[in-house]
Amino acid sequence: MKAKKTQEDGMGLVANKAAVWMEQGGSAQAESDQALVERAQQGDIEAFGELIGQHRNKARNWAERMTGDPYLADDVVQDALIRAFLHLGSLADTSRFLPWLHRIVQNQANMRLRRGGPFKREQPFTSWQGDASLNRVEWDNLDSILDHLTCMASKEAVKQNDPAERLLRKELYETIRALLHCLNRKERGIFEAYFFQQLSPDEIATMYHTTTGTVYTYLHRSRQKLRQTHLRATLGLHESKGGGCMSKQKVIQLPEWQRHYSAKMSFVDRIGHMLATLGDIRPTSELMGISGFAFRMKISNRTTFSDGIYVFDWRKVFRGLMDKLGYDASVVCGQLSNGPVPLLSAAERFPVVLPIEEAVLPFIRKYIDMGKPLLYFDTLADRPYVHEWALIYGYDDERRIAYVTDAMRENGKTVSYKEIAENPLRFLAGINGRKEDLSDQSDKLTVMERNKQAIKFAVNYARNGCDYVPMTTYLNYTSGLATYDRWILYLHNPEVAPNRYGIGQLAAVYADAKHQAARYLRGVQLQGESMRLTLLAAEAYEQAAEALDNISGEVPFVRSSEPLVSETLHKCREQLEKAKEFETAAIGYLENAIKRWGGEE
């Protein structure tokens, strides 16, 4: 009792100190926190990360003072931050984030302290011997066992005069019962027979007149359901088809996407389709140019895999493009801790997230309800793709599906809520709206400046390569004009068979990018000699694109195990040499154009 009294006094002291700090020195911090909270409530996960980065140590100190145990404090803080992330939208007064976080930490600490160690007040089954109530327990019926445990827990709590302990025990047993009720009748029967009655899969198969393989399938499915339900119960979430509201559906009618608008760089292509849905129809070459993708080129230092196409800072590039176009946007991203994350070098800076639907569905519903599709990284893309960028353009709560575009399906496809939540690499992005209305004159100047920035980017990227360097040391890439040398080297190496599929996708995507670069440069608004040099660069890019098109003809982008013969490799090397020569000339023209800007202006 004395130790318990000391803990309670310690918690009171911490609360008082926190209150004093918030009154005396927290006003400036509160203003900063308020801005971050408002951004985080709109789906900006980086804002939430910045909030936590600023206050994690403070929360850790609170927890350790409350619990008196540094290891327990870590668990308390982890639980508190998960709850804060999931329930940030419920914080009405955004200026009071820190007191709100303190209350969550305190609640989690109290729960941990009340529960104590794993055997704090538990009694072994042998202690029940001689209890007359045991005669009424049906030991092959889990509900009967749980009813008995609940009754025993209540009696024990009454004896110790501890209402909190009674409540916690009751909640524990009710949670177990609720978890198992997420299973249907047959799933629950098989699960209980295996785990509680200790029957073998063969015995269960005989009991249910089915195969042993089917029993294993049911057990696997049941584990998955229980894991999801347990996670929701732990986080205070509730299962409901409509996410806590009436089930509904909405599908956006996407505008027809003409072939002359499309680009093989699907990141830009899907953004163009997003903008077209909002009534902002732009030439794809313009988006490819100002985003820099018309001039990007990257290849793995390991082999001719096509992963270099996808390795860049997704958040930075998306937000940068939206900013140039005058839009405000939000991003939700992450990676699963126990899933095979594709494109590790692109996802390694993403936070580890939970595979629960509540983490993504509100974000999806928000934008679809506004009539705005979302950019989505689809790891279930149809062949020949492994994964690809897509748009989510609708949802159906009754069927628990989302409507998603697919490069190989003209009419799109459906993806289940579960598949979206369990996507090992999560990336969703939505456009909130225009930042401000620009006047015609300022918009004209902005377009001119964007064009110059794009040309400068093209030159810098070609000469110096990409500034995004993966932290994962065994995954590294060559970019810029040096990409050609690395690519040609692979085709010369007799000891390593080049990846046919990768060459096919690299050639197709980069050939299209060079065509887009040529179209973009023909449309920039420069004057005099600068314009002439830019047009020469456009023609050189067109020639480079044709050389890469020839490689696509030799090695098309299809799934094939057919090896590349020496004659094909020789033709590809020749075309790569030609493409490098023309693109090097194009960069030279653009460098000279940049030098003449100042005098002509």
Foldseek 3Di string as FASTA:
>chain_A
DVVVVVLVVLLVVLVVVVVVCCVPPCQVVLVVQLVLLVQVLLFFVVSLVVVCVVCVVVQLVSLCSNQVDSVVSVVLSVLLSLLCSLCSNVPPPSSPPPVVSSVSSVVSSVVDVLCDDPVPPDDDPVVCPPPPCVVVADQLDLVSVLVVQLVVQCVVCVVVVHVVSNVVSNVVSVLVVVLLVLDDPVLSVLQSCCPRVVDDLVVVCVVVVHDSVVSVVSPVVSVVSSVQSVVCVSSVHDDDLCRPDDWDKFFFDFDDDDPQQAALLQVLRQVQSLVVLVVNHDRSLQSCLLLLVLQKAKAWLPFLAQLRSPADAVVVSVCVSCVLVQFDKHKHWAFAPPDDAPSCLRHVPGHHDALHLSSPVVSQCVQLVVSGWKWWWACPADPPDRIHIWIFGMAGSVVQWTFIAHPVDPRGDIDHSSCQSNVRITMIMTIPGGNDDDDPVVVVVSLQVSNLVSLVSSLCCQVPNDPRAGPPVVIGMGMHLCNLVSNLVNLVDPVDFHDLLSLQSSLRNNLSSLLSQLVNLQPHDDDDLLNVLSNLLSVLSNQLSVLSVVLCVLRHNHDDPDGDDNVNSVSNNVSSVSSSVSNVSSSVSSVVSVVCRVVVD
